[in-house]
Amino acid sequence: MKKIPRGRAKSPEVVQPKGSVDENSLKTHLSKTRKKIKELEYLSNDKYFEHPFFGKIKMRQTINFLETHTKHHLEIFEDNTK
């Protein structure tokens, strides 16, 4: 799946921000995320990610999902800033 339909699912509580979100917290979160993405290079292919809707997805599928999911949110952001 290379596209995520909008409005079909609600974000699980575990991934929803706690408290207010400001520019500084976003920068901190982005920095941590970039470090974690680099760590993926060193994990073996038999590792998996536990997704709240899709269950266990393997490393390559996880990377593909992260790319698709990021594009999805960027599209939403762009639409909301027009």
PDB file of N, CA and C in Angstrom:
ATOM      1  N   MET A   1       0.842  -1.170   0.000  1.00  0.00           N
ATOM      2  CA  MET A   1       0.000   0.000   0.000  1.00  0.00           C
ATOM      3  C   MET A   1       0.893   1.241   0.000  1.00  0.00           C
ATOM      4  N   LYS A   2       0.716   2.092  -0.971  1.00  0.00           N
ATOM      5  CA  LYS A   2       1.550   3.288  -1.098  1.00  0.00           C
ATOM      6  C   LYS A   2       0.788   4.571  -0.771  1.00  0.00           C
ATOM      7  N   LYS A   3      -0.463   4.437  -0.353  1.00  0.00           N
ATOM      8  CA  LYS A   3      -1.269   5.621  -0.048  1.00  0.00           C
ATOM      9  C   LYS A   3      -2.151   5.297   1.158  1.00  0.00           C
ATOM     10  N   ILE A   4      -2.265   6.259   2.041  1.00  0.00           N
ATOM     11  CA  ILE A   4      -3.119   6.083   3.216  1.00  0.00           C
ATOM     12  C   ILE A   4      -4.357   6.957   3.020  1.00  0.00           C
ATOM     13  N   PRO A   5      -5.539   6.351   3.037  1.00  0.00           N
ATOM     14  CA  PRO A   5      -6.756   7.155   2.874  1.00  0.00           C
ATOM     15  C   PRO A   5      -6.987   8.040   4.100  1.00  0.00           C
ATOM     16  N   ARG A   6      -7.510   9.207   3.871  1.00  0.00           N
ATOM     17  CA  ARG A   6      -7.767  10.144   4.968  1.00  0.00           C
ATOM     18  C   ARG A   6      -9.101   9.879   5.634  1.00  0.00           C
ATOM     19  N   GLY A   7      -9.112  10.116   6.947  1.00  0.00           N
ATOM     20  CA  GLY A   7     -10.356  10.060   7.698  1.00  0.00           C
ATOM     21  C   GLY A   7     -10.879   8.670   7.971  1.00  0.00           C
ATOM     22  N   ARG A   8     -10.091   7.641   7.744  1.00  0.00           N
ATOM     23  CA  ARG A   8     -10.574   6.269   7.945  1.00  0.00           C
ATOM     24  C   ARG A   8     -10.267   5.739   9.342  1.00  0.00           C
ATOM     25  N   ALA A   9      -9.219   6.263   9.973  1.00  0.00           N
ATOM     26  CA  ALA A   9      -8.824   5.741  11.283  1.00  0.00           C
ATOM     27  C   ALA A   9      -8.462   6.899  12.205  1.00  0.00           C
ATOM     28  N   LYS A  10      -8.574   6.642  13.487  1.00  0.00           N
ATOM     29  CA  LYS A  10      -8.198   7.622  14.491  1.00  0.00           C
ATOM     30  C   LYS A  10      -6.848   7.213  15.064  1.00  0.00           C
ATOM     31  N   SER A  11      -5.986   8.182  15.298  1.00  0.00           N
ATOM     32  CA  SER A  11      -4.669   7.896  15.863  1.00  0.00           C
ATOM     33  C   SER A  11      -4.815   7.250  17.233  1.00  0.00           C
ATOM     34  N   PRO A  12      -4.064   6.169  17.481  1.00  0.00           N
ATOM     35  CA  PRO A  12      -4.112   5.550  18.810  1.00  0.00           C
ATOM     36  C   PRO A  12      -3.609   6.535  19.872  1.00  0.00           C
ATOM     37  N   GLU A  13      -4.134   6.420  21.069  1.00  0.00           N
ATOM     38  CA  GLU A  13      -3.772   7.342  22.150  1.00  0.00           C
ATOM     39  C   GLU A  13      -2.259   7.342  22.413  1.00  0.00           C
ATOM     40  N   VAL A  14      -1.614   6.211  22.246  1.00  0.00           N
ATOM     41  CA  VAL A  14      -0.185   6.097  22.532  1.00  0.00           C
ATOM     42  C   VAL A  14       0.669   7.020  21.662  1.00  0.00           C
ATOM     43  N   VAL A  15       0.187   7.393  20.478  1.00  0.00           N
ATOM     44  CA  VAL A  15       0.968   8.255  19.593  1.00  0.00           C
ATOM     45  C   VAL A  15       0.475   9.703  19.575  1.00  0.00           C
ATOM     46  N   GLN A  16      -0.569   9.995  20.321  1.00  0.00           N
ATOM     47  CA  GLN A  16      -1.069  11.363  20.376  1.00  0.00           C
ATOM     48  C   GLN A  16      -0.213  12.168  21.352  1.00  0.00           C
ATOM     49  N   PRO A  17       0.086  13.425  20.996  1.00  0.00           N
ATOM     50  CA  PRO A  17       0.937  14.245  21.872  1.00  0.00           C
ATOM     51  C   PRO A  17       0.288  14.494  23.224  1.00  0.00           C
ATOM     52  N   LYS A  18       1.114  14.484  24.239  1.00  0.00           N
ATOM     53  CA  LYS A  18       0.658  14.795  25.597  1.00  0.00           C
ATOM     54  C   LYS A  18       1.001  16.258  25.869  1.00  0.00           C
ATOM     55  N   GLY A  19       0.029  17.076  26.175  1.00  0.00           N
ATOM     56  CA  GLY A  19       0.282  18.489  26.438  1.00  0.00           C
ATOM     57  C   GLY A  19       0.381  19.289  25.161  1.00  0.00           C
ATOM     58  N   SER A  20       0.942  20.481  25.280  1.00  0.00           N
ATOM     59  CA  SER A  20       1.024  21.373  24.128  1.00  0.00           C
ATOM     60  C   SER A  20       2.215  21.029  23.243  1.00  0.00           C
ATOM     61  N   VAL A  21       2.094  21.394  21.986  1.00  0.00           N
ATOM     62  CA  VAL A  21       3.158  21.171  21.010  1.00  0.00           C
ATOM     63  C   VAL A  21       3.614  22.542  20.534  1.00  0.00           C
ATOM     64  N   ASP A  22       4.919  22.786  20.648  1.00  0.00           N
ATOM     65  CA  ASP A  22       5.459  24.046  20.166  1.00  0.00           C
ATOM     66  C   ASP A  22       6.646  23.765  19.244  1.00  0.00           C
ATOM     67  N   GLU A  23       7.204  24.814  18.679  1.00  0.00           N
ATOM     68  CA  GLU A  23       8.297  24.656  17.723  1.00  0.00           C
ATOM     69  C   GLU A  23       9.493  23.930  18.335  1.00  0.00           C
ATOM     70  N   ASN A  24       9.833  24.256  19.562  1.00  0.00           N
ATOM     71  CA  ASN A  24      10.981  23.629  20.214  1.00  0.00           C
ATOM     72  C   ASN A  24      10.765  22.131  20.433  1.00  0.00           C
ATOM     73  N   SER A  25       9.573  21.757  20.881  1.00  0.00           N
ATOM     74  CA  SER A  25       9.298  20.336  21.111  1.00  0.00           C
ATOM     75  C   SER A  25       9.294  19.565  19.787  1.00  0.00           C
ATOM     76  N   LEU A  26       8.800  20.199  18.718  1.00  0.00           N
ATOM     77  CA  LEU A  26       8.827  19.555  17.403  1.00  0.00           C
ATOM     78  C   LEU A  26      10.260  19.339  16.930  1.00  0.00           C
ATOM     79  N   LYS A  27      11.123  20.335  17.124  1.00  0.00           N
ATOM     80  CA  LYS A  27      12.531  20.197  16.731  1.00  0.00           C
ATOM     81  C   LYS A  27      13.218  19.081  17.510  1.00  0.00           C
ATOM     82  N   THR A  28      12.943  19.006  18.794  1.00  0.00           N
ATOM     83  CA  THR A  28      13.521  17.948  19.633  1.00  0.00           C
ATOM     84  C   THR A  28      13.050  16.580  19.164  1.00  0.00           C
ATOM     85  N   HIS A  29      11.767  16.457  18.918  1.00  0.00           N
ATOM     86  CA  HIS A  29      11.192  15.191  18.467  1.00  0.00           C
ATOM     87  C   HIS A  29      11.770  14.792  17.099  1.00  0.00           C
ATOM     88  N   LEU A  30      11.904  15.749  16.207  1.00  0.00           N
ATOM     89  CA  LEU A  30      12.456  15.477  14.885  1.00  0.00           C
ATOM     90  C   LEU A  30      13.903  14.996  14.978  1.00  0.00           C
ATOM     91  N   SER A  31      14.676  15.602  15.847  1.00  0.00           N
ATOM     92  CA  SER A  31      16.065  15.197  16.044  1.00  0.00           C
ATOM     93  C   SER A  31      16.149  13.749  16.553  1.00  0.00           C
ATOM     94  N   LYS A  32      15.322  13.417  17.540  1.00  0.00           N
ATOM     95  CA  LYS A  32      15.295  12.048  18.080  1.00  0.00           C
ATOM     96  C   LYS A  32      14.864  11.051  17.005  1.00  0.00           C
ATOM     97  N   THR A  33      13.890  11.442  16.205  1.00  0.00           N
ATOM     98  CA  THR A  33      13.384  10.564  15.152  1.00  0.00           C
ATOM     99  C   THR A  33      14.458  10.288  14.110  1.00  0.00           C
ATOM    100  N   ARG A  34      15.191  11.313  13.711  1.00  0.00           N
ATOM    101  CA  ARG A  34      16.270  11.128  12.732  1.00  0.00           C
ATOM    102  C   ARG A  34      17.324  10.147  13.248  1.00  0.00           C
ATOM    103  N   LYS A  35      17.654  10.242  14.534  1.00  0.00           N
ATOM    104  CA  LYS A  35      18.620   9.308  15.127  1.00  0.00           C
ATOM    105  C   LYS A  35      18.082   7.877  15.098  1.00  0.00           C
ATOM    106  N   LYS A  36      16.819   7.721  15.438  1.00  0.00           N
ATOM    107  CA  LYS A  36      16.199   6.386  15.443  1.00  0.00           C
ATOM    108  C   LYS A  36      16.159   5.785  14.042  1.00  0.00           C
ATOM    109  N   ILE A  37      15.890   6.617  13.034  1.00  0.00           N
ATOM    110  CA  ILE A  37      15.850   6.116  11.660  1.00  0.00           C
ATOM    111  C   ILE A  37      17.226   5.602  11.247  1.00  0.00           C
ATOM    112  N   LYS A  38      18.279   6.305  11.639  1.00  0.00           N
ATOM    113  CA  LYS A  38      19.638   5.843  11.322  1.00  0.00           C
ATOM    114  C   LYS A  38      19.947   4.506  11.993  1.00  0.00           C
ATOM    115  N   GLU A  39      19.386   4.281  13.178  1.00  0.00           N
ATOM    116  CA  GLU A  39      19.598   3.025  13.892  1.00  0.00           C
ATOM    117  C   GLU A  39      18.986   1.835  13.155  1.00  0.00           C
ATOM    118  N   LEU A  40      18.006   2.079  12.297  1.00  0.00           N
ATOM    119  CA  LEU A  40      17.379   0.990  11.543  1.00  0.00           C
ATOM    120  C   LEU A  40      18.398   0.247  10.680  1.00  0.00           C
ATOM    121  N   GLU A  41      19.433   0.949  10.216  1.00  0.00           N
ATOM    122  CA  GLU A  41      20.461   0.334   9.375  1.00  0.00           C
ATOM    123  C   GLU A  41      21.161  -0.822  10.071  1.00  0.00           C
ATOM    124  N   TYR A  42      21.213  -0.788  11.393  1.00  0.00           N
ATOM    125  CA  TYR A  42      21.975  -1.771  12.153  1.00  0.00           C
ATOM    126  C   TYR A  42      21.127  -2.908  12.717  1.00  0.00           C
ATOM    127  N   LEU A  43      19.851  -2.886  12.450  1.00  0.00           N
ATOM    128  CA  LEU A  43      18.978  -3.959  12.924  1.00  0.00           C
ATOM    129  C   LEU A  43      18.908  -5.071  11.884  1.00  0.00           C
ATOM    130  N   SER A  44      18.744  -6.286  12.346  1.00  0.00           N
ATOM    131  CA  SER A  44      18.634  -7.407  11.410  1.00  0.00           C
ATOM    132  C   SER A  44      17.249  -7.413  10.773  1.00  0.00           C
ATOM    133  N   ASN A  45      17.164  -8.042   9.612  1.00  0.00           N
ATOM    134  CA  ASN A  45      15.912  -8.045   8.846  1.00  0.00           C
ATOM    135  C   ASN A  45      14.797  -8.845   9.499  1.00  0.00           C
ATOM    136  N   ASP A  46      15.124  -9.663  10.501  1.00  0.00           N
ATOM    137  CA  ASP A  46      14.063 -10.442  11.147  1.00  0.00           C
ATOM    138  C   ASP A  46      13.377  -9.674  12.276  1.00  0.00           C
ATOM    139  N   LYS A  47      13.800  -8.441  12.529  1.00  0.00           N
ATOM    140  CA  LYS A  47      13.150  -7.609  13.538  1.00  0.00           C
ATOM    141  C   LYS A  47      11.823  -7.096  12.977  1.00  0.00           C
ATOM    142  N   TYR A  48      10.921  -6.750  13.858  1.00  0.00           N
ATOM    143  CA  TYR A  48       9.621  -6.276  13.416  1.00  0.00           C
ATOM    144  C   TYR A  48       9.145  -5.120  14.295  1.00  0.00           C
ATOM    145  N   PHE A  49       8.122  -4.433  13.814  1.00  0.00           N
ATOM    146  CA  PHE A  49       7.490  -3.324  14.507  1.00  0.00           C
ATOM    147  C   PHE A  49       6.055  -3.735  14.806  1.00  0.00           C
ATOM    148  N   GLU A  50       5.616  -3.459  16.007  1.00  0.00           N
ATOM    149  CA  GLU A  50       4.233  -3.772  16.397  1.00  0.00           C
ATOM    150  C   GLU A  50       3.358  -2.563  16.093  1.00  0.00           C
ATOM    151  N   HIS A  51       2.597  -2.650  14.996  1.00  0.00           N
ATOM    152  CA  HIS A  51       1.722  -1.555  14.578  1.00  0.00           C
ATOM    153  C   HIS A  51       0.352  -1.748  15.218  1.00  0.00           C
ATOM    154  N   PRO A  52      -0.269  -0.662  15.714  1.00  0.00           N
ATOM    155  CA  PRO A  52      -1.552  -0.806  16.414  1.00  0.00           C
ATOM    156  C   PRO A  52      -2.692  -1.355  15.555  1.00  0.00           C
ATOM    157  N   PHE A  53      -2.633  -1.200  14.225  1.00  0.00           N
ATOM    158  CA  PHE A  53      -3.693  -1.708  13.358  1.00  0.00           C
ATOM    159  C   PHE A  53      -3.248  -2.909  12.528  1.00  0.00           C
ATOM    160  N   PHE A  54      -2.005  -2.904  12.050  1.00  0.00           N
ATOM    161  CA  PHE A  54      -1.519  -3.942  11.145  1.00  0.00           C
ATOM    162  C   PHE A  54      -0.829  -5.097  11.856  1.00  0.00           C
ATOM    163  N   GLY A  55      -0.632  -4.982  13.167  1.00  0.00           N
ATOM    164  CA  GLY A  55       0.064  -6.038  13.905  1.00  0.00           C
ATOM    165  C   GLY A  55       1.569  -5.969  13.668  1.00  0.00           C
ATOM    166  N   LYS A  56       2.212  -7.134  13.658  1.00  0.00           N
ATOM    167  CA  LYS A  56       3.663  -7.186  13.487  1.00  0.00           C
ATOM    168  C   LYS A  56       4.020  -7.015  12.014  1.00  0.00           C
ATOM    169  N   ILE A  57       4.853  -6.007  11.724  1.00  0.00           N
ATOM    170  CA  ILE A  57       5.331  -5.845  10.356  1.00  0.00           C
ATOM    171  C   ILE A  57       6.865  -5.852  10.375  1.00  0.00           C
ATOM    172  N   LYS A  58       7.435  -6.568   9.410  1.00  0.00           N
ATOM    173  CA  LYS A  58       8.885  -6.747   9.350  1.00  0.00           C
ATOM    174  C   LYS A  58       9.597  -5.463   8.961  1.00  0.00           C
ATOM    175  N   MET A  59      10.919  -5.501   9.126  1.00  0.00           N
ATOM    176  CA  MET A  59      11.768  -4.326   8.948  1.00  0.00           C
ATOM    177  C   MET A  59      11.527  -3.600   7.623  1.00  0.00           C
ATOM    178  N   ARG A  60      11.638  -4.285   6.504  1.00  0.00           N
ATOM    179  CA  ARG A  60      11.490  -3.634   5.193  1.00  0.00           C
ATOM    180  C   ARG A  60      10.085  -3.038   5.049  1.00  0.00           C
ATOM    181  N   GLN A  61       9.083  -3.777   5.499  1.00  0.00           N
ATOM    182  CA  GLN A  61       7.710  -3.280   5.449  1.00  0.00           C
ATOM    183  C   GLN A  61       7.549  -2.053   6.346  1.00  0.00           C
ATOM    184  N   THR A  62       8.228  -2.065   7.497  1.00  0.00           N
ATOM    185  CA  THR A  62       8.173  -0.940   8.421  1.00  0.00           C
ATOM    186  C   THR A  62       8.747   0.304   7.777  1.00  0.00           C
ATOM    187  N   ILE A  63       9.896   0.173   7.117  1.00  0.00           N
ATOM    188  CA  ILE A  63      10.521   1.312   6.457  1.00  0.00           C
ATOM    189  C   ILE A  63       9.611   1.847   5.357  1.00  0.00           C
ATOM    190  N   ASN A  64       9.028   0.961   4.567  1.00  0.00           N
ATOM    191  CA  ASN A  64       8.087   1.388   3.522  1.00  0.00           C
ATOM    192  C   ASN A  64       6.881   2.108   4.130  1.00  0.00           C
ATOM    193  N   PHE A  65       6.369   1.556   5.218  1.00  0.00           N
ATOM    194  CA  PHE A  65       5.220   2.179   5.885  1.00  0.00           C
ATOM    195  C   PHE A  65       5.587   3.566   6.402  1.00  0.00           C
ATOM    196  N   LEU A  66       6.766   3.704   7.019  1.00  0.00           N
ATOM    197  CA  LEU A  66       7.187   5.004   7.546  1.00  0.00           C
ATOM    198  C   LEU A  66       7.272   6.047   6.429  1.00  0.00           C
ATOM    199  N   GLU A  67       7.771   5.637   5.275  1.00  0.00           N
ATOM    200  CA  GLU A  67       7.844   6.557   4.137  1.00  0.00           C
ATOM    201  C   GLU A  67       6.441   6.987   3.695  1.00  0.00           C
ATOM    202  N   THR A  68       5.557   6.023   3.554  1.00  0.00           N
ATOM    203  CA  THR A  68       4.182   6.304   3.125  1.00  0.00           C
ATOM    204  C   THR A  68       3.459   7.162   4.160  1.00  0.00           C
ATOM    205  N   HIS A  69       3.623   6.839   5.427  1.00  0.00           N
ATOM    206  CA  HIS A  69       2.953   7.546   6.511  1.00  0.00           C
ATOM    207  C   HIS A  69       3.444   8.988   6.604  1.00  0.00           C
ATOM    208  N   THR A  70       4.740   9.191   6.439  1.00  0.00           N
ATOM    209  CA  THR A  70       5.296  10.542   6.467  1.00  0.00           C
ATOM    210  C   THR A  70       4.752  11.369   5.320  1.00  0.00           C
ATOM    211  N   LYS A  71       4.710  10.782   4.112  1.00  0.00           N
ATOM    212  CA  LYS A  71       4.143  11.497   2.954  1.00  0.00           C
ATOM    213  C   LYS A  71       2.690  11.870   3.207  1.00  0.00           C
ATOM    214  N   HIS A  72       1.951  10.964   3.819  1.00  0.00           N
ATOM    215  CA  HIS A  72       0.544  11.194   4.161  1.00  0.00           C
ATOM    216  C   HIS A  72       0.402  12.443   5.034  1.00  0.00           C
ATOM    217  N   HIS A  73       1.211  12.530   6.085  1.00  0.00           N
ATOM    218  CA  HIS A  73       1.125  13.672   6.985  1.00  0.00           C
ATOM    219  C   HIS A  73       1.627  14.962   6.340  1.00  0.00           C
ATOM    220  N   LEU A  74       2.621  14.863   5.495  1.00  0.00           N
ATOM    221  CA  LEU A  74       3.095  16.051   4.773  1.00  0.00           C
ATOM    222  C   LEU A  74       2.003  16.598   3.849  1.00  0.00           C
ATOM    223  N   GLU A  75       1.271  15.702   3.196  1.00  0.00           N
ATOM    224  CA  GLU A  75       0.164  16.124   2.327  1.00  0.00           C
ATOM    225  C   GLU A  75      -0.922  16.842   3.147  1.00  0.00           C
ATOM    226  N   ILE A  76      -1.230  16.303   4.303  1.00  0.00           N
ATOM    227  CA  ILE A  76      -2.226  16.936   5.184  1.00  0.00           C
ATOM    228  C   ILE A  76      -1.741  18.313   5.608  1.00  0.00           C
ATOM    229  N   PHE A  77      -0.482  18.391   6.010  1.00  0.00           N
ATOM    230  CA  PHE A  77       0.085  19.663   6.423  1.00  0.00           C
ATOM    231  C   PHE A  77       0.025  20.685   5.285  1.00  0.00           C
ATOM    232  N   GLU A  78       0.437  20.266   4.100  1.00  0.00           N
ATOM    233  CA  GLU A  78       0.426  21.177   2.947  1.00  0.00           C
ATOM    234  C   GLU A  78      -0.978  21.655   2.628  1.00  0.00           C
ATOM    235  N   ASP A  79      -1.963  20.749   2.687  1.00  0.00           N
ATOM    236  CA  ASP A  79      -3.347  21.134   2.421  1.00  0.00           C
ATOM    237  C   ASP A  79      -3.862  22.133   3.458  1.00  0.00           C
ATOM    238  N   ASN A  80      -3.418  21.991   4.699  1.00  0.00           N
ATOM    239  CA  ASN A  80      -3.884  22.878   5.765  1.00  0.00           C
ATOM    240  C   ASN A  80      -3.175  24.216   5.804  1.00  0.00           C
ATOM    241  N   THR A  81      -2.101  24.365   5.052  1.00  0.00           N
ATOM    242  CA  THR A  81      -1.363  25.628   5.041  1.00  0.00           C
ATOM    243  C   THR A  81      -1.634  26.435   3.775  1.00  0.00           C
ATOM    244  N   LYS A  82      -2.499  25.929   2.918  1.00  0.00           N
ATOM    245  CA  LYS A  82      -2.830  26.662   1.684  1.00  0.00           C
ATOM    246  C   LYS A  82      -3.817  27.754   1.944  1.00  0.00           C
TER     247      LYS A  82
END
